[in-house]
Protein backbone atom coordinates (compact mmCIF):
# COMPACT_ATOMS: atom_id res chain seq x y z
CA MET A 1 -31.04 -47.61 -41.85
CA LYS A 2 -31.89 -47.22 -38.24
CA GLY A 3 -28.33 -48.49 -37.36
CA SER A 4 -26.53 -46.42 -39.75
CA ARG A 5 -28.50 -43.29 -38.43
CA LYS A 6 -27.53 -44.20 -35.00
CA ILE A 7 -23.86 -44.66 -35.72
CA ALA A 8 -24.10 -41.28 -37.52
CA LEU A 9 -25.65 -39.53 -34.41
CA ILE A 10 -22.96 -41.04 -32.09
CA VAL A 11 -20.26 -40.04 -34.46
CA LEU A 12 -21.78 -36.51 -34.89
CA SER A 13 -21.96 -36.24 -30.79
CA LEU A 14 -18.18 -37.36 -30.46
CA VAL A 15 -17.05 -34.52 -32.85
CA LEU A 16 -19.11 -31.97 -31.01
CA VAL A 17 -17.69 -33.03 -27.90
CA VAL A 18 -14.20 -33.03 -29.11
CA GLY A 19 -14.74 -29.65 -30.75
CA VAL A 20 -16.09 -28.17 -27.42
CA LEU A 21 -13.17 -29.63 -25.38
CA GLY A 22 -10.67 -28.50 -28.17
CA GLY A 23 -11.98 -24.99 -27.99
CA ILE A 24 -11.80 -24.99 -23.90
CA PHE A 25 -8.32 -26.28 -24.26
CA MET A 26 -7.10 -23.69 -26.70
CA SER A 27 -8.86 -20.97 -24.97
CA ARG A 28 -6.91 -21.78 -21.72
CA ILE A 29 -3.65 -22.08 -24.01
CA GLY A 30 -4.49 -18.57 -25.06
CA ALA A 31 -4.87 -17.07 -21.71
CA ALA A 32 -1.75 -18.93 -20.40
CA ASN A 33 0.11 -17.55 -23.37
CA HIS A 34 -1.38 -13.97 -22.79
CA GLN A 35 -0.18 -14.03 -19.14
CA LYS A 36 3.27 -15.16 -20.23
CA LYS A 37 3.52 -12.03 -22.63
CA ALA A 38 2.21 -9.61 -20.11
CA ARG A 39 4.69 -7.09 -19.01
CA ILE A 40 3.21 -5.79 -15.69
CA VAL A 41 4.77 -3.03 -13.51
CA ALA A 42 3.51 -2.37 -9.84
CA THR A 43 4.43 1.01 -8.66
CA THR A 44 3.53 0.35 -5.00
CA PHE A 45 4.33 -2.36 -2.42
CA ALA A 46 0.63 -3.01 -1.87
CA VAL A 47 0.22 -3.88 -5.51
CA VAL A 48 3.25 -6.24 -5.32
CA GLN A 49 1.78 -8.15 -2.62
CA ILE A 50 -1.47 -8.39 -4.50
CA ALA A 51 0.28 -9.66 -7.67
CA ASP A 52 2.31 -12.29 -5.57
CA LYS A 53 -1.16 -13.50 -4.18
CA LEU A 54 -2.46 -13.69 -7.72
CA ASP A 55 0.51 -15.34 -9.18
CA LEU A 56 1.29 -12.58 -11.72
CA PRO A 57 4.56 -11.91 -13.47
CA LEU A 58 6.15 -8.46 -12.70
CA VAL A 59 8.81 -6.93 -14.65
CA GLY A 60 8.82 -3.75 -12.53
CA VAL A 61 8.46 -3.04 -8.74
CA PRO A 62 8.84 0.05 -6.42
CA THR A 63 11.95 1.01 -4.87
CA THR A 64 11.16 0.37 -1.29
CA GLN A 65 12.55 -1.00 1.94
CA ASN A 66 9.71 -3.62 2.21
CA LYS A 67 10.81 -7.14 1.41
CA ILE A 68 9.96 -7.75 -2.13
CA PRO A 69 8.74 -11.31 -2.87
CA ALA A 70 11.60 -13.63 -3.86
CA ARG A 71 9.93 -14.19 -7.14
CA TYR A 72 10.31 -10.68 -8.20
CA ALA A 73 13.94 -10.24 -6.88
CA HIS A 74 15.13 -9.53 -10.61
CA ALA A 75 12.36 -7.12 -11.47
CA ALA A 76 13.53 -3.67 -12.20
CA ARG A 77 13.10 -1.01 -9.55
CA VAL A 78 10.89 1.90 -10.80
CA GLY A 79 11.37 4.44 -8.02
CA ASN A 80 9.56 5.84 -4.92
CA PRO A 81 5.84 4.94 -4.71
CA MET A 82 5.16 8.60 -4.34
CA ASN A 83 7.26 9.50 -7.41
CA PRO A 84 7.92 6.76 -9.59
CA SER A 85 10.22 7.06 -12.67
CA VAL A 86 8.26 7.54 -15.77
CA GLU A 87 11.37 6.95 -17.84
CA LYS A 88 12.36 3.67 -16.03
CA ILE A 89 8.72 2.35 -16.44
CA ALA A 90 8.77 3.42 -20.19
CA SER A 91 11.92 1.40 -20.79
CA LEU A 92 10.42 -1.79 -19.40
CA LYS A 93 7.92 -1.58 -22.30
CA PRO A 94 4.91 -2.49 -20.04
CA THR A 95 1.66 -3.87 -21.26
CA VAL A 96 -0.08 -2.48 -18.07
CA VAL A 97 0.97 -0.55 -15.06
CA TYR A 98 -0.93 -0.98 -11.69
CA SER A 99 -0.78 1.74 -9.03
CA VAL A 100 -3.10 2.97 -6.15
CA THR A 101 -5.18 5.72 -7.56
CA THR A 102 -5.91 7.34 -4.33
CA LEU A 103 -3.12 7.16 -1.64
CA PRO A 104 -4.29 7.12 1.96
CA ARG A 105 -4.07 10.70 3.32
CA VAL A 106 -1.86 10.72 6.58
CA LEU A 107 -1.32 13.10 9.51
CA VAL A 108 1.61 12.39 11.69
CA LEU A 109 1.70 14.07 15.26
CA MET A 110 4.63 14.09 17.50
CA GLY A 111 3.62 14.54 21.18
CA LEU A 112 6.15 15.59 23.94
CA PRO A 113 5.69 15.63 27.61
CA GLY A 114 4.20 18.65 29.26
CA ALA A 115 3.37 20.13 25.76
CA SER A 116 0.75 19.40 23.12
CA TYR A 117 1.98 18.21 19.99
CA MET A 118 3.68 19.15 16.74
CA ILE A 119 2.93 18.06 13.37
CA ALA A 120 5.64 16.18 11.41
CA THR A 121 5.93 16.83 7.68
CA ASN A 122 7.28 14.93 4.84
CA GLN A 123 10.87 15.97 5.74
CA SER A 124 10.70 14.01 9.20
CA TYR A 125 11.82 10.58 9.56
CA VAL A 126 8.33 9.06 10.14
CA GLY A 127 7.09 11.30 7.19
CA ASP A 128 9.48 9.50 5.13
CA LEU A 129 8.38 6.15 6.19
CA VAL A 130 4.83 7.25 5.15
CA ALA A 131 6.00 8.22 1.78
CA ILE A 132 8.05 4.99 1.26
CA ALA A 133 4.95 2.91 2.28
CA GLY A 134 2.84 4.80 -0.44
CA GLY A 135 0.99 7.09 1.91
CA HIS A 136 0.48 11.02 1.33
CA ASN A 137 1.54 13.04 4.23
CA VAL A 138 -1.11 15.88 4.49
CA PHE A 139 1.49 18.38 5.46
CA SER A 140 4.59 19.09 3.59
CA SER A 141 7.36 21.29 3.54
CA LYS A 142 10.61 22.07 1.81
CA THR A 143 12.85 22.64 4.98
CA GLN A 144 10.94 21.98 8.09
CA GLU A 145 10.64 18.64 9.73
CA PHE A 146 7.92 19.72 12.27
CA VAL A 147 5.33 22.64 12.16
CA SER A 148 2.82 24.07 14.51
CA PRO A 149 -0.65 22.61 14.66
CA ASN A 150 -3.53 24.27 12.97
CA ASP A 151 -7.06 22.98 13.52
CA GLU A 152 -8.56 24.60 10.15
CA ALA A 153 -5.57 23.28 8.30
CA ILE A 154 -6.03 19.77 9.77
CA LYS A 155 -9.78 19.79 9.15
CA LYS A 156 -9.42 20.72 5.77
CA ALA A 157 -7.01 17.82 5.03
CA GLN A 158 -9.34 15.41 6.24
CA PRO A 159 -6.55 12.64 7.05
CA GLN A 160 -7.74 9.00 6.53
CA VAL A 161 -4.93 7.76 8.85
CA ILE A 162 -3.35 9.49 11.92
CA LEU A 163 0.03 8.33 13.21
CA ARG A 164 0.80 9.65 16.85
CA LEU A 165 4.50 9.48 17.74
CA ALA A 166 5.33 9.34 21.43
CA HIS A 167 8.76 10.63 21.13
CA ALA A 168 9.54 10.15 24.94
CA LEU A 169 7.60 8.82 28.05
CA PRO A 170 4.77 7.25 26.28
CA ASN A 171 2.93 6.62 29.61
CA ILE A 172 2.52 10.60 29.76
CA VAL A 173 2.36 11.42 26.28
CA ILE A 174 -0.37 8.79 25.05
CA PRO A 175 -2.97 9.84 27.75
CA GLN A 176 -1.91 13.51 26.76
CA PHE A 177 -2.95 12.66 23.08
CA ASN A 178 -6.14 10.77 24.24
CA SER A 179 -7.22 13.86 26.33
CA GLU A 180 -6.53 16.08 23.31
CA PHE A 181 -8.69 13.97 21.06
CA LYS A 182 -11.58 13.89 23.55
CA SER A 183 -11.54 17.59 24.50
CA ASP A 184 -11.34 18.96 20.94
CA PRO A 185 -14.37 18.17 19.01
CA MET A 186 -12.50 18.68 15.84
CA TRP A 187 -10.86 15.37 15.80
CA LYS A 188 -14.26 13.56 15.58
CA THR A 189 -14.94 15.32 12.22
CA LEU A 190 -11.81 13.54 10.65
CA PRO A 191 -12.13 10.26 8.67
CA ALA A 192 -9.26 8.56 10.50
CA VAL A 193 -11.07 9.09 13.80
CA LYS A 194 -14.25 8.24 12.57
CA ASN A 195 -13.07 4.88 10.96
CA HIS A 196 -10.77 4.22 14.10
CA ARG A 197 -7.50 4.50 12.14
CA VAL A 198 -5.40 6.24 14.71
CA TYR A 199 -2.08 4.42 15.61
CA ASP A 200 0.20 5.18 18.35
CA LEU A 201 4.00 4.97 17.64
CA GLU A 202 6.07 3.85 20.47
CA GLU A 203 9.68 3.03 20.97
CA PRO A 204 11.56 0.86 20.30
CA ASN A 205 10.13 0.46 16.93
CA PHE A 206 9.69 4.16 16.49
CA ASP A 207 11.63 7.30 17.11
CA ALA A 208 11.86 10.81 15.88
CA THR A 209 14.97 9.79 13.93
CA ALA A 210 15.92 6.67 12.11
CA ASN A 211 17.35 3.67 14.05
CA MET A 212 18.08 0.08 13.45
CA ARG A 213 14.40 -0.84 13.56
CA ALA A 214 13.70 1.29 10.53
CA ALA A 215 12.69 -1.86 8.31
CA LYS A 216 10.47 -3.06 10.97
CA ALA A 217 8.88 0.34 11.46
CA LEU A 218 8.19 0.59 7.86
CA GLN A 219 6.43 -2.86 7.75
CA ILE A 220 4.19 -1.62 10.51
CA VAL A 221 3.39 1.59 8.85
CA SER A 222 2.69 -0.20 5.59
CA ASN A 223 0.34 -2.64 7.39
CA TRP A 224 -1.66 0.28 8.99
CA LEU A 225 -1.95 2.06 5.77
CA TYR A 226 -2.86 -1.15 3.80
CA PRO A 227 -4.64 -3.26 6.63
CA GLN A 228 -5.89 -6.01 4.36
CA GLU A 229 -2.11 -6.80 3.95
CA GLY A 230 -1.52 -8.08 7.32
CA SER A 231 -1.58 -7.54 10.96
CA GLN A 232 -2.03 -3.97 12.44
CA THR A 233 -0.19 -4.48 15.70
CA ASN A 234 3.34 -3.71 16.32
């Protein structure tokens, strides 16, 4: 009897072990199948890079000049990160759409030798780089590329990132910017200054108008807006 009981206990234990292992195996197959069935759309380049690191499949990616990972080369383009096509996204029948809920608020300044600075709107070349990279220019216009500075408007906008374009003679313009930021206490109240997210845009990668280095400039701006994705140096 004792021997029979011992054998029964061994058999029961084996059945329990096989059952547990089988359950784990089936749950992993289920998770894998779920991932294969997932239809994921990423609307910003930042999300694309995160998805790539996590080995996630994507059926839709943003329309951008950034280099999309090769694995997503055949994914549908769903439009500018700032204004993706809802119709295009819907046509892909996604199971989930990933986006950046709050885009970095960006202020773009253009300095000129012997003067102070101008504000570059969304209509400017650098403003367009910001939009393509997934940022929100805090100064927009329907027609003007540059507008006159206004301390109250800048303070109200609370930019999280400030890009300073040295259009010419950076050895003069950058010290000029530095002097302005030190002498006017308004700048110290802005999140971009508090968090040390003020970047100088210098030639040859940057200019007031597009040039052959536009792709490189876009990558640099993207890294500044999303510093966790790569280097912040130019």
